[in-house]
Amino acid sequence: MKPTGLPPNATIGILGGGQLGRMSALAAARLGYRTHVFAPEADQPAMQVATRHSVADYTDEAALVEFARAVDAVTFEFENVPARTLDILGPLAPCHPSAEVLAICQDRVAEKRFMAAAGIPTAPWRSVDSAAELAEAVAEIGLPAVLKTTRLGYDGRGQAVLRDQADIAPAWTRLAPRPLILEGFIPFAMELSVIVARDADGATAVFDIAENRHHHHILDITFAPARIPESVALEAQAHARRLAEALGLVGVAALELFLLADATLLGNEIAPRPHNSGHWTIEACCASQFEQHIRAVAGLPLADPSRHHDAVMRNLVGPEGMALWSGLLTAPRIVPHLYGKAEPRPGRKMGHATWILPFGTLATMADEEALSGFSGV
């Protein structure tokens, strides 16, 4: 059979040096690929496991050209890479996902419009470019509502909850750059995420739906599979497939969803790369989200995304998360991961741990039992 995709020992370039790049590089190595990480700061988590790395600004054209000449394909591990970076790289090396996908997911207004066009309903929203427009949007959408930057926000950064009129002016003054986006506050029953892989031929593979809990706006716990009706899970997966097709995605993307009490699903955000809520796939699936991403970027066939275990993933954030490390090393059925970051600052994701459970047991567990594997750690 004629081989497909990049041959073994080809080099995949990764823009960004964080933990998602690190786990992608590890997946690439298992598939026989080398990796070259490009990031502005030295000694990043991904650089510690990559074959090569370059330290330069994302707008350094000479460095980017040299990087492109050293790799066979390019991907990115976070969506805050400047669009200009892919404009420079695109003529020199295949970039997956594309610059067009990156542009959509960098801007919350473009993202919301795209989801609507793809048939994924969202909360009511309005783009606001002035204090007067904000007042009009609040009058239309009502309070409470959430005011967000359209770019560069993640893990709760760049947003403010408006509960009454007194919150509006301070939030408008604090948040930048503008325009901003005002979104209706959704009293959701559960936050879900679904991760989809798509290759250049249009084949897709969707992982089981994950159920997510946050602490201080940072993902804390993920339950996989989500404890939801099968009809909801199938609808969420259908949304993900439509999204991947509409984007022309090559790689992996995560669709974050709100599940309402009446079983309605609303789209929240799109992440065009591996996602924190998919880390459980490393231990609990036939192929992880990182392997699927590398396969798609390299032009290999997608793997079977089937789940063979249930899982509970817990983020290790800041000094409090690192205080759990020694206990996690000896806890039964828990697989710990550290990302190689030196300083455990508050709010910084230092690692994660996944508790592996027999297939089919999580569905009947209450939260306390589902988290009991981490008790005493």
Protein backbone atom coordinates (compact mmCIF):
# COMPACT_ATOMS: atom_id res chain seq x y z
CA MET A 1 0.00 0.00 0.00
CA LYS A 2 1.28 3.44 -0.90
CA PRO A 3 2.21 5.37 2.27
CA THR A 4 0.14 8.43 3.11
CA GLY A 5 1.09 11.63 4.83
CA LEU A 6 4.48 12.77 6.04
CA PRO A 7 7.08 10.02 6.19
CA PRO A 8 8.70 8.97 9.48
CA ASN A 9 11.33 11.41 10.75
CA ALA A 10 9.62 14.37 9.06
CA THR A 11 9.49 17.49 11.22
CA ILE A 12 6.30 19.12 12.46
CA GLY A 13 6.62 22.74 13.52
CA ILE A 14 4.62 23.86 16.54
CA LEU A 15 3.89 27.53 17.22
CA GLY A 16 3.73 28.00 20.99
CA GLY A 17 5.71 26.39 23.77
CA GLY A 18 3.08 25.51 26.39
CA GLN A 19 1.76 22.23 27.73
CA LEU A 20 -0.51 21.57 24.74
CA GLY A 21 2.54 21.81 22.50
CA ARG A 22 4.44 19.55 24.89
CA MET A 23 1.82 16.80 24.76
CA SER A 24 1.50 17.20 20.99
CA ALA A 25 5.28 16.79 20.63
CA LEU A 26 5.18 13.64 22.74
CA ALA A 27 2.41 12.23 20.54
CA ALA A 28 4.38 13.14 17.43
CA ALA A 29 7.45 11.34 18.75
CA ARG A 30 5.46 8.14 19.27
CA LEU A 31 4.36 8.31 15.64
CA GLY A 32 7.98 8.70 14.52
CA TYR A 33 8.04 12.44 13.91
CA ARG A 34 10.44 15.14 15.00
CA THR A 35 9.15 18.46 16.28
CA HIS A 36 10.44 22.02 16.15
CA VAL A 37 8.87 24.45 18.62
CA PHE A 38 8.80 28.18 17.89
CA ALA A 39 7.97 30.54 20.79
CA PRO A 40 9.07 33.96 22.11
CA GLU A 41 10.28 32.67 25.49
CA ALA A 42 13.05 30.15 26.23
CA ASP A 43 12.73 26.94 28.29
CA GLN A 44 9.05 26.42 27.60
CA PRO A 45 7.35 23.09 28.41
CA ALA A 46 7.16 22.01 24.78
CA MET A 47 10.81 22.87 24.16
CA GLN A 48 11.87 20.39 26.84
CA VAL A 49 10.61 17.44 24.76
CA ALA A 50 10.99 18.73 21.18
CA THR A 51 13.77 17.87 18.76
CA ARG A 52 14.57 21.53 18.11
CA HIS A 53 13.33 24.91 19.17
CA SER A 54 13.56 28.53 18.07
CA VAL A 55 13.20 31.51 20.39
CA ALA A 56 11.93 34.55 18.53
CA ASP A 57 8.92 36.83 18.35
CA TYR A 58 5.93 35.65 16.34
CA THR A 59 6.38 38.70 14.10
CA ASP A 60 10.10 38.10 13.39
CA GLU A 61 9.88 37.44 9.68
CA ALA A 62 13.48 36.29 9.22
CA ALA A 63 13.18 33.78 12.08
CA LEU A 64 9.83 32.52 10.76
CA VAL A 65 11.26 31.97 7.28
CA GLU A 66 14.16 29.99 8.75
CA PHE A 67 11.68 27.99 10.86
CA ALA A 68 9.50 27.20 7.85
CA ARG A 69 12.49 25.92 5.90
CA ALA A 70 13.30 23.51 8.74
CA VAL A 71 9.86 21.88 9.01
CA ASP A 72 7.50 19.87 6.80
CA ALA A 73 4.21 21.14 8.28
CA VAL A 74 3.15 23.72 10.84
CA THR A 75 0.51 23.77 13.56
CA PHE A 76 -0.18 25.90 16.64
CA GLU A 77 -0.94 25.06 20.25
CA PHE A 78 -2.88 28.18 21.15
CA GLU A 79 -4.96 30.63 19.15
CA ASN A 80 -3.32 33.89 20.19
CA VAL A 81 -0.64 33.55 17.53
CA PRO A 82 -0.82 36.70 15.35
CA ALA A 83 -2.56 36.17 12.03
CA ARG A 84 0.49 37.74 10.36
CA THR A 85 2.56 34.76 11.52
CA LEU A 86 0.56 32.29 9.42
CA ASP A 87 0.53 34.77 6.53
CA ILE A 88 4.32 34.56 6.51
CA LEU A 89 4.49 30.80 7.00
CA GLY A 90 1.63 29.78 4.71
CA PRO A 91 3.46 30.16 1.36
CA LEU A 92 6.47 28.26 2.76
CA ALA A 93 4.95 25.28 4.60
CA PRO A 94 1.48 23.72 4.97
CA CYS A 95 -0.26 25.17 8.04
CA HIS A 96 -3.00 23.24 9.85
CA PRO A 97 -5.45 24.45 11.01
CA SER A 98 -5.52 27.21 8.42
CA ALA A 99 -5.09 30.95 8.88
CA GLU A 100 -8.81 31.33 8.15
CA VAL A 101 -9.73 29.00 11.03
CA LEU A 102 -7.36 30.86 13.33
CA ALA A 103 -8.92 34.22 12.39
CA ILE A 104 -12.44 33.02 13.17
CA CYS A 105 -11.48 31.62 16.56
CA GLN A 106 -9.43 34.66 17.56
CA ASP A 107 -12.45 36.95 17.51
CA ARG A 108 -15.53 36.24 19.61
CA VAL A 109 -17.82 38.18 17.28
CA ALA A 110 -16.61 36.26 14.21
CA GLU A 111 -16.84 33.05 16.23
CA LYS A 112 -20.46 33.66 17.26
CA ARG A 113 -21.46 34.50 13.69
CA PHE A 114 -19.74 31.38 12.43
CA MET A 115 -21.48 29.12 14.94
CA ALA A 116 -24.84 30.55 13.93
CA ALA A 117 -24.07 29.94 10.26
CA ALA A 118 -23.08 26.35 11.11
CA GLY A 119 -26.42 25.76 12.84
CA ILE A 120 -25.13 25.91 16.41
CA PRO A 121 -27.35 28.13 18.58
CA THR A 122 -25.69 30.52 21.04
CA ALA A 123 -26.70 32.84 23.86
CA PRO A 124 -27.96 36.27 22.72
CA TRP A 125 -25.06 38.63 22.06
CA ARG A 126 -24.21 42.06 20.71
CA SER A 127 -20.96 43.67 19.59
CA VAL A 128 -20.36 46.95 21.44
CA ASP A 129 -17.94 49.66 20.37
CA SER A 130 -19.00 52.52 22.63
CA ALA A 131 -20.57 53.16 26.00
CA ALA A 132 -23.78 54.13 24.20
CA GLU A 133 -23.84 50.85 22.28
CA LEU A 134 -23.26 48.97 25.53
CA ALA A 135 -26.26 50.70 27.13
CA GLU A 136 -28.39 49.74 24.12
CA ALA A 137 -27.16 46.13 24.26
CA VAL A 138 -27.93 45.87 27.97
CA ALA A 139 -31.41 47.24 27.36
CA GLU A 140 -31.96 44.61 24.66
CA ILE A 141 -30.33 41.56 26.27
CA GLY A 142 -31.02 42.42 29.91
CA LEU A 143 -29.09 41.74 33.09
CA PRO A 144 -27.29 39.74 34.27
CA ALA A 145 -24.98 39.58 31.27
CA VAL A 146 -21.29 39.01 30.57
CA LEU A 147 -19.10 41.66 28.96
CA LYS A 148 -16.00 40.24 27.25
CA THR A 149 -13.09 41.33 25.13
CA THR A 150 -13.42 39.96 21.62
CA ARG A 151 -9.75 38.92 21.54
CA LEU A 152 -7.05 37.52 23.83
CA GLY A 153 -9.33 36.33 26.66
CA TYR A 154 -9.06 32.87 28.24
CA ASP A 155 -9.39 31.22 31.67
CA GLY A 156 -11.76 34.00 32.74
CA ARG A 157 -9.44 36.82 31.68
CA GLY A 158 -10.89 39.72 29.75
CA GLN A 159 -14.45 39.49 31.01
CA ALA A 160 -16.81 40.84 33.65
CA VAL A 161 -20.24 39.77 34.87
CA LEU A 162 -22.75 42.64 34.88
CA ARG A 163 -25.34 41.95 37.56
CA ASP A 164 -26.83 45.43 37.89
CA GLN A 165 -26.49 48.89 36.39
CA ALA A 166 -23.67 49.84 38.78
CA ASP A 167 -21.40 47.19 37.19
CA ILE A 168 -21.61 48.58 33.66
CA ALA A 169 -19.38 51.67 33.73
CA PRO A 170 -16.46 50.08 35.68
CA ALA A 171 -16.47 47.05 33.37
CA TRP A 172 -16.48 49.24 30.26
CA THR A 173 -13.54 51.25 31.61
CA ARG A 174 -11.52 48.17 32.57
CA LEU A 175 -11.92 45.94 29.52
CA ALA A 176 -9.89 46.46 26.35
CA PRO A 177 -9.19 46.27 23.46
CA ARG A 178 -12.48 47.23 21.88
CA PRO A 179 -14.94 46.41 20.44
CA LEU A 180 -16.26 44.26 23.25
CA ILE A 181 -19.03 41.69 23.15
CA LEU A 182 -22.01 41.49 25.50
CA GLU A 183 -23.47 38.02 25.99
CA GLY A 184 -26.62 37.02 27.80
CA PHE A 185 -25.96 35.30 31.11
CA ILE A 186 -26.89 31.63 30.76
CA PRO A 187 -28.12 29.75 33.87
CA PHE A 188 -26.77 26.49 32.49
CA ALA A 189 -27.17 23.12 34.17
CA MET A 190 -23.82 21.83 32.95
CA GLU A 191 -20.87 22.89 30.82
CA LEU A 192 -19.85 20.36 28.21
CA SER A 193 -17.10 20.08 25.63
CA VAL A 194 -16.74 17.91 22.56
CA ILE A 195 -13.48 17.36 20.71
CA VAL A 196 -13.51 16.59 17.00
CA ALA A 197 -10.70 15.68 14.62
CA ARG A 198 -10.93 16.18 10.86
CA ASP A 199 -8.42 15.30 8.16
CA ALA A 200 -7.76 16.93 4.81
CA ASP A 201 -10.04 14.42 3.04
CA GLY A 202 -12.99 15.40 5.25
CA ALA A 203 -13.05 12.33 7.50
CA THR A 204 -13.99 13.12 11.11
CA ALA A 205 -13.58 11.39 14.46
CA VAL A 206 -15.39 12.66 17.56
CA PHE A 207 -14.55 11.85 21.17
CA ASP A 208 -17.16 11.21 23.83
CA ILE A 209 -18.63 14.32 25.43
CA ALA A 210 -16.90 15.66 28.56
CA GLU A 211 -18.53 17.37 31.55
CA ASN A 212 -16.52 20.27 32.97
CA ARG A 213 -16.36 22.09 36.31
CA HIS A 214 -14.46 25.34 36.82
CA HIS A 215 -12.87 27.04 39.82
CA HIS A 216 -12.06 30.75 39.58
CA HIS A 217 -12.80 30.55 35.82
CA ILE A 218 -10.12 27.85 35.29
CA LEU A 219 -11.05 24.28 34.41
CA ASP A 220 -10.82 22.23 37.58
CA ILE A 221 -12.43 18.82 36.94
CA THR A 222 -13.51 16.97 33.80
CA PHE A 223 -15.74 13.90 33.89
CA ALA A 224 -15.62 11.62 30.85
CA PRO A 225 -18.08 10.64 29.66
CA ALA A 226 -20.47 13.41 30.66
CA ARG A 227 -23.42 12.18 32.70
CA ILE A 228 -26.04 13.25 30.17
CA PRO A 229 -28.78 11.54 28.13
CA GLU A 230 -27.62 9.79 24.97
CA SER A 231 -29.76 12.12 22.85
CA VAL A 232 -27.85 15.15 24.20
CA ALA A 233 -24.50 13.45 23.56
CA LEU A 234 -25.45 12.65 19.97
CA GLU A 235 -26.62 16.21 19.37
CA ALA A 236 -23.35 17.62 20.76
CA GLN A 237 -21.31 15.32 18.52
CA ALA A 238 -23.41 16.35 15.51
CA HIS A 239 -22.72 20.01 16.30
CA ALA A 240 -18.98 19.25 16.41
CA ARG A 241 -19.01 17.47 13.05
CA ARG A 242 -20.90 20.32 11.38
CA LEU A 243 -18.49 22.80 12.89
CA ALA A 244 -15.43 20.92 11.65
CA GLU A 245 -16.89 20.64 8.17
CA ALA A 246 -17.89 24.32 8.03
CA LEU A 247 -14.41 25.37 9.16
CA GLY A 248 -12.67 23.10 6.67
CA LEU A 249 -10.73 22.01 9.74
CA VAL A 250 -7.53 19.98 9.45
CA GLY A 251 -6.53 19.07 12.98
CA VAL A 252 -8.42 18.99 16.25
CA ALA A 253 -10.92 21.49 17.63
CA ALA A 254 -12.94 21.69 20.82
CA LEU A 255 -16.48 23.04 20.98
CA GLU A 256 -17.56 24.28 24.41
CA LEU A 257 -21.30 24.02 25.04
CA PHE A 258 -23.80 25.04 27.70
CA LEU A 259 -26.47 22.47 28.56
CA LEU A 260 -29.67 24.09 29.81
CA ALA A 261 -32.19 22.52 32.17
CA ASP A 262 -34.54 21.78 29.27
CA ALA A 263 -31.75 19.86 27.41
CA THR A 264 -31.08 22.73 24.98
CA LEU A 265 -27.45 23.05 23.88
CA LEU A 266 -25.87 26.46 23.27
CA GLY A 267 -22.44 27.00 21.74
CA ASN A 268 -20.00 28.99 23.86
CA GLU A 269 -16.50 28.96 22.34
CA ILE A 270 -14.36 27.17 19.76
CA ALA A 271 -10.74 26.21 20.40
CA PRO A 272 -8.97 25.19 17.14
CA ARG A 273 -6.39 22.94 18.82
CA PRO A 274 -6.19 20.29 21.58
CA HIS A 275 -8.09 21.35 24.68
CA ASN A 276 -7.62 21.13 28.44
CA SER A 277 -10.88 19.19 28.77
CA GLY A 278 -9.51 16.48 26.47
CA HIS A 279 -6.48 15.46 28.50
CA TRP A 280 -8.35 12.38 29.76
CA THR A 281 -8.13 10.92 26.25
CA ILE A 282 -4.43 10.13 26.78
CA GLU A 283 -5.21 7.29 29.17
CA ALA A 284 -8.87 6.48 28.46
CA CYS A 285 -9.05 6.27 24.64
CA CYS A 286 -7.54 4.22 21.85
CA ALA A 287 -5.91 7.43 20.58
CA SER A 288 -5.59 10.72 22.41
CA GLN A 289 -6.65 14.15 21.16
CA PHE A 290 -2.95 14.93 20.67
CA GLU A 291 -2.37 11.89 18.47
CA GLN A 292 -5.43 12.76 16.40
CA HIS A 293 -4.16 16.29 15.96
CA ILE A 294 -0.73 15.15 14.82
CA ARG A 295 -2.25 12.55 12.49
CA ALA A 296 -4.42 15.17 10.82
CA VAL A 297 -1.58 17.71 10.52
CA ALA A 298 0.77 15.03 9.14
CA GLY A 299 -1.78 13.68 6.66
CA LEU A 300 -2.14 10.29 8.32
CA PRO A 301 -5.50 8.51 8.66
CA LEU A 302 -7.38 9.42 11.83
CA ALA A 303 -7.36 6.83 14.60
CA ASP A 304 -10.23 5.20 16.47
CA PRO A 305 -11.40 7.67 19.15
CA SER A 306 -13.25 5.03 21.17
CA ARG A 307 -13.11 5.27 24.95
CA HIS A 308 -12.09 2.07 26.77
CA HIS A 309 -12.25 3.49 30.32
CA ASP A 310 -14.18 6.18 32.13
CA ALA A 311 -12.04 8.97 33.53
CA VAL A 312 -11.95 11.94 35.88
CA MET A 313 -9.30 14.54 35.08
CA ARG A 314 -8.18 17.13 37.62
CA ASN A 315 -6.02 20.15 36.83
CA LEU A 316 -3.07 20.92 39.10
CA VAL A 317 -3.14 24.70 39.37
CA GLY A 318 -0.65 26.89 41.20
CA PRO A 319 0.96 26.05 44.56
CA GLU A 320 -2.21 24.30 45.74
CA GLY A 321 -2.09 21.91 42.82
CA MET A 322 1.60 21.17 43.29
CA ALA A 323 0.96 20.37 46.95
CA LEU A 324 -0.96 17.30 45.73
CA TRP A 325 1.90 15.91 43.66
CA SER A 326 3.50 13.52 46.14
CA GLY A 327 0.14 11.97 46.98
CA LEU A 328 -0.76 11.55 43.32
CA LEU A 329 2.42 9.57 42.69
CA THR A 330 1.20 6.71 44.88
CA ALA A 331 -2.60 6.97 44.46
CA PRO A 332 -4.12 3.88 42.80
CA ARG A 333 -5.40 4.18 39.22
CA ILE A 334 -4.31 7.82 38.97
CA VAL A 335 -1.93 8.88 36.19
CA PRO A 336 -0.14 12.17 37.00
CA HIS A 337 1.40 14.58 34.50
CA LEU A 338 3.68 17.55 35.13
CA TYR A 339 4.37 20.12 32.43
CA GLY A 340 7.91 21.15 33.37
CA LYS A 341 7.07 24.66 34.57
CA ALA A 342 9.47 25.95 37.20
CA GLU A 343 7.34 28.37 39.20
CA PRO A 344 3.90 27.38 40.56
CA ARG A 345 2.30 30.81 40.40
CA PRO A 346 -1.35 31.22 41.43
CA GLY A 347 -3.64 30.36 38.55
CA ARG A 348 -0.87 28.67 36.55
CA LYS A 349 -1.58 25.20 35.18
CA MET A 350 1.31 23.07 36.41
CA GLY A 351 0.00 19.65 35.42
CA HIS A 352 -2.98 17.34 35.60
CA ALA A 353 -3.93 13.93 36.92
CA THR A 354 -6.40 11.42 35.51
CA TRP A 355 -8.24 8.83 37.58
CA ILE A 356 -9.00 5.79 35.43
CA LEU A 357 -12.29 3.97 36.10
CA PRO A 358 -13.84 0.82 34.64
CA PHE A 359 -15.86 1.47 31.50
CA GLY A 360 -19.46 2.42 32.22
CA THR A 361 -19.15 3.08 35.96
CA LEU A 362 -19.16 6.91 35.95
CA ALA A 363 -22.74 7.26 34.70
CA THR A 364 -24.25 6.16 38.01
CA MET A 365 -21.83 8.01 40.29
CA ALA A 366 -22.68 11.13 42.26
CA ASP A 367 -20.03 13.85 42.35
CA GLU A 368 -18.64 12.80 45.72
CA GLU A 369 -18.05 9.24 44.57
CA ALA A 370 -16.75 10.37 41.17
CA LEU A 371 -14.09 12.47 42.91
CA SER A 372 -13.23 9.93 45.61
CA GLY A 373 -10.10 8.78 43.79
CA PHE A 374 -8.52 12.11 44.67
CA SER A 375 -9.58 12.02 48.32
CA GLY A 376 -6.67 11.74 50.72
CA VAL A 377 -4.22 12.92 48.05
